Amino acid sequence: MPLPTKIASSLALAALMGAALEGCDQGPRIEARPQTITFAPAPSPALNQASVTVTASASSGLPVRYTSATSTICSVDPGSGAVTAVVSGTCTVAANQSGDSRYAAAPQVTQDVTFVFRGVVTFAPAPALAVYDQATVTATESSGLPVTYVGATPVVCSVEGATGFVVALSPGDCTIVASAEGAEASQTIVVSAPSGVTAPDAPSSVVATAGDSSGTGTVRIGALRAGGSPIIGYTVSSSPPGVTATSATLPVTVTCPSSCAGYRFSVVAANAAGTSLPSGWGDIVTRYQVVATFHEPDTQPNDTIFVGTFTLDASAGVVSGLQGRLSESMTGGPTPYPNDTMTWVALKHQLSSVAVTLDGAQGWLVTTFGQTTTNTLAQDPKFGGTDGWAPGAGMGLYYGYPGANPGNSYARIFVNWADPTAPPTQAQLDELAYADCARGGMMGASCMTGTSVAGYGTVGTMGGYPVAQLTGKD
């Protein structure tokens, strides 16, 4: 072949190879064109309307993702912009567009939506009262908001604002107002004059809660027929025996040897005519708040956070009602919890409570789930699966892989029976865990998980592991 022909052929071949490399090996060019996000006018929810949809569009035409910047007030579906409020307040929705090979990420924009909830407050039937009697009135708000009480007739009766505990002071109409975020109702109890003076009846409906100091408890009663004479004192005793306390007023504070766990309490009341029979036994039942943190080295400054509540019956040794919300650290912006913009997953179903002893402390590993089943992680043994949710199992793959993902999630905490508010030891922290197979916690077929090597033989799928748990009275 003549030299010019060889050169021409080589140049043609080089051109073809260059075109192939440009199309396959070099990848697309990133142009980084600017783009902006614009919200449509904000919706205006009607009174008691819990759901609306916000709409934003990017000038690039690329899809917008939404997050809630006020996660205690509302949640937002990342794809549709559907907003669901859980309490009254201003919900701030953030819109983001992360860009692609042609467009740079858009500056975040936000929109505020104000929700107002006012339910119906309803009283339970009114108790019958004579002068000096004690009772507890009960009102509920239709959406579950907490109710507070105010006495409108202080000469006739006194009312404890947080509990509705009423003491009759003189004959007449005792009027009580119950309110919850603007909604209110009233109840009137006719207080009669006493027919005579006798010793009090046995107190009823004894309730106790953990005290503000470790090893203490606070004991109350729900009702008492006073016998027509002012109550001059209360005496509390325990089962098993060993704890006693006296007080001229309620509530009565008891001090236990080291912890009040396992104790029940009974109350007797006294007036000028004598002493009542003992009440029935009341358990120590306390509601707690908990915040558990899992460090996520790959999504800083955002960590995975579980924020929840539970109830501990320290007398019977039962934990119930663990529920809360779990953050998805991959969805957050540059501001960490608690002012974050992460998406949060609701966990409302306590489906596991396992008794354990860790570092000498008796307690429970308690797990709450997003769905009514524990099916979360791969159960197939070839993927290291076991029961479908065991922390550290299933290689982090979702339940039923490679079939459809049910999208379940869970969080596990440690509850110390003797003192739930005690700072956990490292061995107790090591047993905390979470798994998030919901949309915002997924990496392909893998769920985001958080475990420790000491507790479960592995760290989470993105290196996440438990670092803290804070528990306090609600």
Protein backbone atom coordinates (compact mmCIF):
# COMPACT_ATOMS: atom_id res chain seq x y z
CA MET A 1 0.00 0.00 0.00
CA PRO A 2 1.47 3.43 -0.92
CA LEU A 3 2.51 5.60 2.02
CA PRO A 4 -0.17 8.31 1.46
CA THR A 5 -2.84 5.62 1.42
CA LYS A 6 -1.46 4.12 4.70
CA ILE A 7 -1.50 7.55 6.35
CA ALA A 8 -5.05 8.19 5.24
CA SER A 9 -6.16 4.80 6.54
CA SER A 10 -4.42 5.40 9.90
CA LEU A 11 -6.04 8.80 10.25
CA ALA A 12 -9.46 7.35 9.48
CA LEU A 13 -8.92 4.58 12.04
CA ALA A 14 -7.78 7.10 14.64
CA ALA A 15 -10.87 9.19 13.99
CA LEU A 16 -13.11 6.17 14.45
CA MET A 17 -11.34 5.20 17.68
CA GLY A 18 -11.58 8.76 18.96
CA ALA A 19 -15.30 8.82 18.26
CA ALA A 20 -15.71 5.53 20.10
CA LEU A 21 -13.74 6.79 23.08
CA GLU A 22 -15.69 10.02 23.16
CA GLY A 23 -18.97 8.12 23.13
CA CYS A 24 -18.07 5.34 25.58
CA ASP A 25 -14.97 5.90 27.65
CA GLN A 26 -14.73 9.59 28.35
CA GLY A 27 -18.32 9.96 29.64
CA PRO A 28 -20.61 12.97 29.33
CA ARG A 29 -19.34 16.44 29.90
CA ILE A 30 -20.63 18.22 33.02
CA GLU A 31 -21.81 21.63 31.89
CA ALA A 32 -22.96 22.95 35.32
CA ARG A 33 -25.62 25.24 33.95
CA PRO A 34 -27.39 27.25 36.69
CA GLN A 35 -30.98 26.43 37.61
CA THR A 36 -33.55 27.81 40.03
CA ILE A 37 -36.57 26.42 41.90
CA THR A 38 -39.93 28.18 42.12
CA PHE A 39 -42.84 27.25 44.38
CA ALA A 40 -46.44 27.57 43.29
CA PRO A 41 -48.58 29.61 45.72
CA ALA A 42 -48.73 27.97 49.15
CA PRO A 43 -51.90 26.03 49.97
CA SER A 44 -54.08 27.25 52.85
CA PRO A 45 -55.32 24.26 54.89
CA ALA A 46 -58.78 24.57 56.38
CA LEU A 47 -59.32 24.24 60.12
CA ASN A 48 -58.40 20.67 61.17
CA GLN A 49 -57.20 19.78 57.66
CA ALA A 50 -54.08 17.63 58.08
CA SER A 51 -52.90 17.08 54.49
CA VAL A 52 -52.09 19.33 51.53
CA THR A 53 -49.69 19.18 48.60
CA VAL A 54 -47.05 21.77 47.76
CA THR A 55 -45.70 22.12 44.22
CA ALA A 56 -42.32 23.40 43.08
CA SER A 57 -40.62 23.28 39.71
CA ALA A 58 -37.03 23.65 38.57
CA SER A 59 -36.15 25.88 35.61
CA SER A 60 -34.15 22.94 34.24
CA GLY A 61 -37.25 20.76 34.09
CA LEU A 62 -35.58 18.21 36.38
CA PRO A 63 -37.68 16.68 39.22
CA VAL A 64 -37.72 18.45 42.59
CA ARG A 65 -37.37 16.62 45.91
CA TYR A 66 -39.05 17.84 49.07
CA THR A 67 -38.10 17.60 52.76
CA SER A 68 -39.57 18.92 56.00
CA ALA A 69 -37.52 21.55 57.80
CA THR A 70 -39.92 21.30 60.78
CA SER A 71 -40.15 17.58 61.33
CA THR A 72 -41.90 17.89 64.72
CA ILE A 73 -44.81 19.63 62.97
CA CYS A 74 -45.09 17.87 59.63
CA SER A 75 -43.70 15.25 57.27
CA VAL A 76 -43.34 15.59 53.49
CA ASP A 77 -43.29 12.95 50.77
CA PRO A 78 -39.99 13.53 48.94
CA GLY A 79 -41.38 12.91 45.47
CA SER A 80 -44.95 14.22 45.47
CA GLY A 81 -44.75 17.12 47.93
CA ALA A 82 -47.67 15.73 49.95
CA VAL A 83 -47.51 17.38 53.38
CA THR A 84 -48.99 15.77 56.50
CA ALA A 85 -49.17 17.74 59.74
CA VAL A 86 -49.29 16.12 63.17
CA VAL A 87 -49.77 19.25 65.32
CA SER A 88 -50.78 22.86 64.86
CA GLY A 89 -48.01 25.16 63.66
CA THR A 90 -46.07 26.45 60.68
CA CYS A 91 -44.68 23.67 58.50
CA THR A 92 -41.60 24.67 56.47
CA VAL A 93 -41.08 22.64 53.30
CA ALA A 94 -37.67 22.71 51.58
CA ALA A 95 -37.33 22.03 47.85
CA ASN A 96 -34.07 20.80 46.32
CA GLN A 97 -32.78 19.80 42.89
CA SER A 98 -29.34 18.15 42.91
CA GLY A 99 -28.51 18.67 39.23
CA ASP A 100 -27.21 16.31 36.58
CA SER A 101 -24.58 16.21 33.84
CA ARG A 102 -25.87 19.50 32.41
CA TYR A 103 -27.15 21.41 35.44
CA ALA A 104 -25.56 22.38 38.72
CA ALA A 105 -27.51 21.88 41.96
CA ALA A 106 -30.19 24.52 42.49
CA PRO A 107 -30.19 26.75 45.58
CA GLN A 108 -32.65 25.40 48.14
CA VAL A 109 -35.93 27.28 48.52
CA THR A 110 -38.58 26.92 51.23
CA GLN A 111 -42.29 27.48 51.62
CA ASP A 112 -44.37 27.81 54.82
CA VAL A 113 -47.76 26.17 55.32
CA THR A 114 -49.73 26.87 58.52
CA PHE A 115 -51.91 24.16 60.04
CA VAL A 116 -54.46 24.72 62.81
CA PHE A 117 -56.07 21.83 64.70
CA ARG A 118 -58.90 22.36 67.13
CA GLY A 119 -60.73 19.26 68.19
CA VAL A 120 -63.67 18.60 70.43
CA VAL A 121 -63.07 18.32 74.17
CA THR A 122 -65.33 15.84 75.96
CA PHE A 123 -65.64 15.17 79.69
CA ALA A 124 -66.22 11.77 81.24
CA PRO A 125 -69.24 11.61 83.59
CA ALA A 126 -68.88 13.92 86.58
CA PRO A 127 -68.17 12.42 90.01
CA ALA A 128 -70.50 13.06 92.96
CA LEU A 129 -68.80 15.16 95.66
CA ALA A 130 -69.53 16.28 99.19
CA VAL A 131 -67.44 18.90 100.94
CA TYR A 132 -63.78 17.74 101.47
CA ASP A 133 -64.16 14.83 99.03
CA GLN A 134 -61.51 14.34 96.36
CA ALA A 135 -61.89 13.06 92.79
CA THR A 136 -60.30 13.23 89.36
CA VAL A 137 -62.18 14.64 86.40
CA THR A 138 -61.16 13.42 82.95
CA ALA A 139 -61.51 15.14 79.59
CA THR A 140 -60.18 14.07 76.20
CA GLU A 141 -59.56 15.98 72.98
CA SER A 142 -60.76 14.28 69.79
CA SER A 143 -57.36 14.38 68.04
CA GLY A 144 -55.42 13.21 71.10
CA LEU A 145 -53.93 16.54 72.17
CA PRO A 146 -53.05 16.92 75.87
CA VAL A 147 -55.72 18.56 78.01
CA THR A 148 -55.22 21.02 80.87
CA TYR A 149 -57.73 22.00 83.55
CA VAL A 150 -58.68 25.27 85.26
CA GLY A 151 -61.12 25.77 88.13
CA ALA A 152 -63.64 28.55 87.48
CA THR A 153 -65.06 28.46 91.05
CA PRO A 154 -62.06 28.49 93.45
CA VAL A 155 -64.24 29.07 96.53
CA VAL A 156 -66.16 25.84 95.87
CA CYS A 157 -63.32 23.62 94.65
CA SER A 158 -59.63 23.49 93.76
CA VAL A 159 -58.42 21.84 90.54
CA GLU A 160 -54.93 20.60 89.65
CA GLY A 161 -54.19 21.84 86.16
CA ALA A 162 -52.17 18.91 84.81
CA THR A 163 -54.19 16.02 86.29
CA GLY A 164 -57.76 17.24 86.86
CA PHE A 165 -57.56 16.29 90.56
CA VAL A 166 -60.40 18.10 92.38
CA VAL A 167 -60.85 18.85 96.09
CA ALA A 168 -64.31 20.05 97.20
CA LEU A 169 -64.05 23.03 99.56
CA SER A 170 -67.60 24.27 100.15
CA PRO A 171 -71.18 23.55 99.01
CA GLY A 172 -72.16 24.88 95.59
CA ASP A 173 -71.41 24.49 91.90
CA CYS A 174 -67.83 23.46 91.10
CA THR A 175 -67.07 24.41 87.48
CA ILE A 176 -64.01 23.05 85.68
CA VAL A 177 -62.80 24.13 82.24
CA ALA A 178 -60.74 21.73 80.14
CA SER A 179 -58.81 23.09 77.15
CA ALA A 180 -56.53 21.84 74.38
CA GLU A 181 -55.03 24.30 71.87
CA GLY A 182 -58.06 26.57 71.65
CA ALA A 183 -60.74 23.92 72.04
CA GLU A 184 -62.45 23.78 75.43
CA ALA A 185 -65.37 22.42 77.38
CA SER A 186 -66.68 22.84 80.91
CA GLN A 187 -68.17 20.55 83.50
CA THR A 188 -70.12 21.51 86.62
CA ILE A 189 -70.21 19.31 89.71
CA VAL A 190 -72.72 20.01 92.46
CA VAL A 191 -70.87 19.85 95.78
CA SER A 192 -73.22 18.87 98.61
CA ALA A 193 -72.90 19.54 102.32
CA PRO A 194 -71.61 16.57 104.36
CA SER A 195 -74.24 14.51 106.16
CA GLY A 196 -71.99 13.87 109.15
CA VAL A 197 -68.40 13.18 110.18
CA THR A 198 -66.77 9.75 109.91
CA ALA A 199 -63.35 8.35 109.14
CA PRO A 200 -62.48 8.52 105.43
CA ASP A 201 -63.23 5.68 103.04
CA ALA A 202 -60.24 3.86 101.55
CA PRO A 203 -58.60 5.93 98.80
CA SER A 204 -59.04 4.59 95.27
CA SER A 205 -57.14 4.63 91.97
CA VAL A 206 -53.65 4.93 93.42
CA VAL A 207 -51.07 5.92 90.82
CA ALA A 208 -47.33 6.41 91.15
CA THR A 209 -44.60 7.74 88.89
CA ALA A 210 -40.83 7.80 89.10
CA GLY A 211 -39.56 10.75 91.09
CA ASP A 212 -37.25 13.47 89.87
CA SER A 213 -34.35 11.91 91.81
CA SER A 214 -33.05 8.39 91.34
CA GLY A 215 -34.58 5.92 93.81
CA THR A 216 -37.67 8.03 94.53
CA GLY A 217 -41.31 7.84 93.54
CA THR A 218 -44.33 10.13 93.62
CA VAL A 219 -47.62 8.62 94.84
CA ARG A 220 -51.10 10.05 94.18
CA ILE A 221 -54.69 8.93 94.59
CA GLY A 222 -57.53 9.31 92.14
CA ALA A 223 -60.49 9.70 94.53
CA LEU A 224 -61.43 9.74 98.22
CA ARG A 225 -64.61 10.06 100.27
CA ALA A 226 -63.33 12.32 103.03
CA GLY A 227 -66.03 11.57 105.65
CA GLY A 228 -67.19 15.18 106.02
CA SER A 229 -63.94 16.39 107.59
CA PRO A 230 -60.71 17.79 106.08
CA ILE A 231 -57.99 15.24 105.36
CA ILE A 232 -55.08 15.90 107.69
CA GLY A 233 -52.55 13.36 106.38
CA TYR A 234 -51.63 10.48 104.09
CA THR A 235 -49.46 7.44 104.81
CA VAL A 236 -47.91 5.35 102.05
CA SER A 237 -46.63 1.79 102.47
CA SER A 238 -45.05 -0.59 99.98
CA SER A 239 -45.21 -4.15 98.74
CA PRO A 240 -42.78 -5.76 99.30
CA PRO A 241 -42.57 -4.06 102.72
CA GLY A 242 -39.84 -1.64 103.66
CA VAL A 243 -40.80 1.70 102.15
CA THR A 244 -43.07 4.11 104.06
CA ALA A 245 -43.77 7.83 103.87
CA THR A 246 -46.20 10.34 105.36
CA SER A 247 -47.37 13.73 104.14
CA ALA A 248 -50.04 16.28 105.00
CA THR A 249 -50.69 16.85 101.29
CA LEU A 250 -50.61 15.04 97.97
CA PRO A 251 -48.58 13.85 96.18
CA VAL A 252 -46.47 11.84 98.61
CA THR A 253 -42.78 11.33 97.82
CA VAL A 254 -41.31 7.93 98.72
CA THR A 255 -37.62 7.02 98.92
CA CYS A 256 -36.65 3.45 98.05
CA PRO A 257 -33.45 1.66 99.16
CA SER A 258 -31.75 2.05 95.76
CA SER A 259 -34.50 1.84 93.15
CA CYS A 260 -38.28 1.71 93.32
CA ALA A 261 -38.37 -0.93 90.56
CA GLY A 262 -40.54 -3.88 91.67
CA TYR A 263 -42.40 -1.95 94.40
CA ARG A 264 -46.15 -1.22 94.60
CA PHE A 265 -47.74 1.31 96.91
CA SER A 266 -50.89 1.65 99.04
CA VAL A 267 -52.28 4.77 100.74
CA VAL A 268 -54.32 5.42 103.88
CA ALA A 269 -55.88 8.80 104.65
CA ALA A 270 -56.74 10.36 108.01
CA ASN A 271 -59.10 13.05 109.22
CA ALA A 272 -60.07 14.23 112.72
CA ALA A 273 -62.42 11.25 113.12
CA GLY A 274 -59.96 8.49 112.25
CA THR A 275 -57.97 6.64 109.58
CA SER A 276 -59.21 4.96 106.40
CA LEU A 277 -58.67 1.41 105.35
CA PRO A 278 -55.70 0.93 102.99
CA SER A 279 -56.22 1.52 99.29
CA GLY A 280 -55.46 -1.08 96.66
CA TRP A 281 -51.92 -1.34 95.33
CA GLY A 282 -50.74 1.06 92.65
CA ASP A 283 -47.88 0.50 90.21
CA ILE A 284 -45.15 2.97 89.27
CA VAL A 285 -46.02 3.88 85.69
CA THR A 286 -43.95 6.57 83.98
CA ARG A 287 -43.70 7.90 80.45
CA TYR A 288 -40.21 8.70 79.12
CA GLN A 289 -38.66 10.48 76.16
CA VAL A 290 -35.64 8.96 74.41
CA VAL A 291 -33.16 10.14 71.77
CA ALA A 292 -30.71 7.61 70.29
CA THR A 293 -27.91 8.68 67.96
CA PHE A 294 -26.05 6.60 65.37
CA HIS A 295 -22.91 8.16 63.91
CA GLU A 296 -22.88 8.08 60.10
CA PRO A 297 -19.33 8.77 58.82
CA ASP A 298 -20.46 9.00 55.17
CA THR A 299 -23.34 11.47 55.59
CA GLN A 300 -21.89 14.11 57.86
CA PRO A 301 -22.97 16.48 59.33
CA ASN A 302 -26.13 14.35 59.51
CA ASP A 303 -26.44 11.31 61.77
CA THR A 304 -29.29 8.84 62.08
CA ILE A 305 -31.44 9.89 65.04
CA PHE A 306 -34.31 8.08 66.73
CA VAL A 307 -36.62 10.33 68.78
CA GLY A 308 -39.36 8.56 70.68
CA THR A 309 -41.39 7.89 73.82
CA PHE A 310 -42.26 4.81 75.86
CA THR A 311 -44.05 3.87 79.07
CA LEU A 312 -42.41 1.80 81.82
CA ASP A 313 -44.41 0.00 84.50
CA ALA A 314 -41.50 -0.34 86.91
CA SER A 315 -43.59 -2.37 89.35
CA ALA A 316 -44.60 -5.09 86.89
CA GLY A 317 -41.46 -4.80 84.74
CA VAL A 318 -43.17 -4.02 81.44
CA VAL A 319 -42.18 -1.57 78.68
CA SER A 320 -44.98 -0.55 76.34
CA GLY A 321 -45.81 1.90 73.58
CA LEU A 322 -42.32 2.60 72.22
CA GLN A 323 -42.86 4.79 69.18
CA GLY A 324 -41.25 7.75 67.47
CA ARG A 325 -39.47 8.76 64.29
CA LEU A 326 -36.19 7.88 62.61
CA SER A 327 -34.16 10.32 60.50
CA GLU A 328 -32.76 9.40 57.09
CA SER A 329 -29.30 10.97 57.09
CA MET A 330 -28.80 10.65 53.32
CA THR A 331 -31.66 13.10 52.73
CA GLY A 332 -30.37 15.98 54.85
CA GLY A 333 -28.79 19.31 54.02
CA PRO A 334 -25.82 21.05 55.65
CA THR A 335 -27.52 21.69 59.01
CA PRO A 336 -27.51 18.77 61.48
CA TYR A 337 -30.19 17.68 63.96
CA PRO A 338 -32.20 19.23 65.57
CA ASN A 339 -32.49 21.99 62.94
CA ASP A 340 -32.03 19.53 60.10
CA THR A 341 -33.85 19.09 56.80
CA MET A 342 -33.72 15.28 56.86
CA THR A 343 -36.70 13.12 55.96
CA TRP A 344 -38.09 11.24 58.99
CA VAL A 345 -39.77 7.84 59.07
CA ALA A 346 -42.57 7.14 61.56
CA LEU A 347 -42.09 4.08 63.81
CA LYS A 348 -45.28 3.33 65.72
CA HIS A 349 -45.36 -0.41 66.42
CA GLN A 350 -43.47 -1.92 69.37
CA LEU A 351 -43.18 -5.54 68.28
CA SER A 352 -40.24 -6.78 70.37
CA SER A 353 -39.12 -6.49 73.99
CA VAL A 354 -36.28 -8.76 75.08
CA ALA A 355 -35.19 -9.02 78.73
CA VAL A 356 -31.41 -8.65 79.12
CA THR A 357 -28.76 -8.00 81.73
CA LEU A 358 -26.02 -5.68 80.46
CA ASP A 359 -23.12 -4.52 82.64
CA GLY A 360 -25.03 -5.85 85.65
CA ALA A 361 -28.16 -3.80 84.86
CA GLN A 362 -31.46 -5.56 84.22
CA GLY A 363 -33.57 -4.13 81.45
CA TRP A 364 -34.97 -4.65 78.00
CA LEU A 365 -33.93 -4.23 74.39
CA VAL A 366 -37.10 -2.74 72.92
CA THR A 367 -37.73 -2.38 69.18
CA THR A 368 -40.36 -0.34 67.36
CA PHE A 369 -41.21 -0.78 63.67
CA GLY A 370 -42.66 1.28 60.86
CA GLN A 371 -45.08 -1.47 59.88
CA THR A 372 -47.16 -3.99 61.81
CA THR A 373 -44.71 -6.77 60.93
CA THR A 374 -41.04 -7.32 61.77
CA ASN A 375 -40.19 -8.13 58.11
CA THR A 376 -37.32 -5.71 57.40
CA LEU A 377 -34.04 -7.39 56.35
CA ALA A 378 -33.30 -10.33 54.02
CA GLN A 379 -34.25 -13.63 55.63
CA ASP A 380 -32.59 -15.93 53.06
CA PRO A 381 -29.65 -17.79 54.72
CA LYS A 382 -27.53 -17.40 51.58
CA PHE A 383 -27.48 -13.66 52.33
CA GLY A 384 -26.82 -14.22 56.03
CA GLY A 385 -30.51 -13.78 56.81
CA THR A 386 -32.24 -15.19 59.88
CA ASP A 387 -35.65 -14.09 61.13
CA GLY A 388 -36.18 -11.18 58.74
CA TRP A 389 -35.03 -8.37 61.00
CA ALA A 390 -32.24 -9.39 63.43
CA PRO A 391 -29.73 -6.52 63.72
CA GLY A 392 -26.64 -7.10 61.59
CA ALA A 393 -28.25 -9.94 59.61
CA GLY A 394 -29.21 -10.26 55.96
CA MET A 395 -26.20 -8.35 54.59
CA GLY A 396 -28.32 -5.22 54.88
CA LEU A 397 -30.52 -6.31 51.97
CA TYR A 398 -34.25 -5.65 52.20
CA TYR A 399 -36.74 -8.33 53.21
CA GLY A 400 -37.66 -10.66 50.37
CA TYR A 401 -34.72 -9.63 48.16
CA PRO A 402 -34.68 -9.81 45.13
CA GLY A 403 -38.47 -9.47 45.13
CA ALA A 404 -40.43 -6.34 46.01
CA ASN A 405 -39.21 -4.33 49.00
CA PRO A 406 -41.90 -3.95 51.69
CA GLY A 407 -40.04 -0.84 52.94
CA ASN A 408 -40.06 -1.54 56.68
CA SER A 409 -37.81 0.17 59.28
CA TYR A 410 -37.05 -0.18 62.98
CA ALA A 411 -35.11 1.27 65.91
CA ARG A 412 -33.92 -0.59 69.02
CA ILE A 413 -33.14 1.05 72.40
CA PHE A 414 -32.09 -0.16 75.86
CA VAL A 415 -34.39 0.50 78.84
CA ASN A 416 -32.74 0.23 82.26
CA TRP A 417 -35.30 -1.15 84.72
CA ALA A 418 -33.78 0.34 87.88
CA ASP A 419 -33.17 3.81 86.39
CA PRO A 420 -34.18 4.51 82.79
CA THR A 421 -32.57 7.96 82.93
CA ALA A 422 -29.11 6.62 83.88
CA PRO A 423 -26.48 7.25 81.17
CA PRO A 424 -25.96 3.95 79.32
CA THR A 425 -22.63 2.16 79.54
CA GLN A 426 -20.70 1.26 76.41
CA ALA A 427 -21.91 -2.34 76.60
CA GLN A 428 -25.50 -1.11 76.72
CA LEU A 429 -24.96 1.30 73.81
CA ASP A 430 -23.44 -1.52 71.76
CA GLU A 431 -26.83 -3.27 71.71
CA LEU A 432 -28.69 -0.36 70.09
CA ALA A 433 -29.56 -0.83 66.42
CA TYR A 434 -31.62 0.48 63.54
CA ALA A 435 -32.52 -0.58 60.00
CA ASP A 436 -34.17 1.67 57.43
CA CYS A 437 -35.49 0.05 54.27
CA ALA A 438 -37.88 2.90 53.45
CA ARG A 439 -37.33 4.92 50.29
CA GLY A 440 -34.98 7.54 51.73
CA GLY A 441 -32.88 4.94 53.55
CA MET A 442 -32.01 2.80 50.54
CA MET A 443 -28.80 2.36 48.52
CA GLY A 444 -29.92 0.18 45.65
CA ALA A 445 -30.99 -3.08 47.27
CA SER A 446 -29.27 -2.27 50.57
CA CYS A 447 -30.99 -0.66 53.54
CA MET A 448 -29.25 1.82 55.78
CA THR A 449 -28.44 0.12 59.07
CA GLY A 450 -26.61 0.96 62.28
CA THR A 451 -24.96 -1.61 64.55
CA SER A 452 -21.74 -2.06 66.52
CA VAL A 453 -19.12 -4.74 66.08
CA ALA A 454 -19.25 -5.48 69.81
CA GLY A 455 -23.01 -5.93 69.77
CA TYR A 456 -23.69 -7.61 66.43
CA GLY A 457 -20.35 -8.40 64.77
CA THR A 458 -20.58 -5.62 62.19
CA VAL A 459 -21.13 -1.91 61.70
CA GLY A 460 -23.95 -0.58 59.56
CA THR A 461 -24.09 -0.69 55.80
CA MET A 462 -22.62 2.82 55.56
CA GLY A 463 -20.44 2.46 58.63
CA GLY A 464 -23.11 3.69 61.06
CA TYR A 465 -22.89 2.68 64.72
CA PRO A 466 -24.60 3.76 68.01
CA VAL A 467 -22.92 6.51 70.01
CA ALA A 468 -25.49 7.90 72.45
CA GLN A 469 -28.85 7.43 74.12
CA LEU A 470 -30.49 10.10 76.29
CA THR A 471 -33.61 9.25 78.30
CA GLY A 472 -35.71 11.55 80.49
CA LYS A 473 -39.19 11.79 82.00
CA ASP A 474 -41.76 13.01 79.53
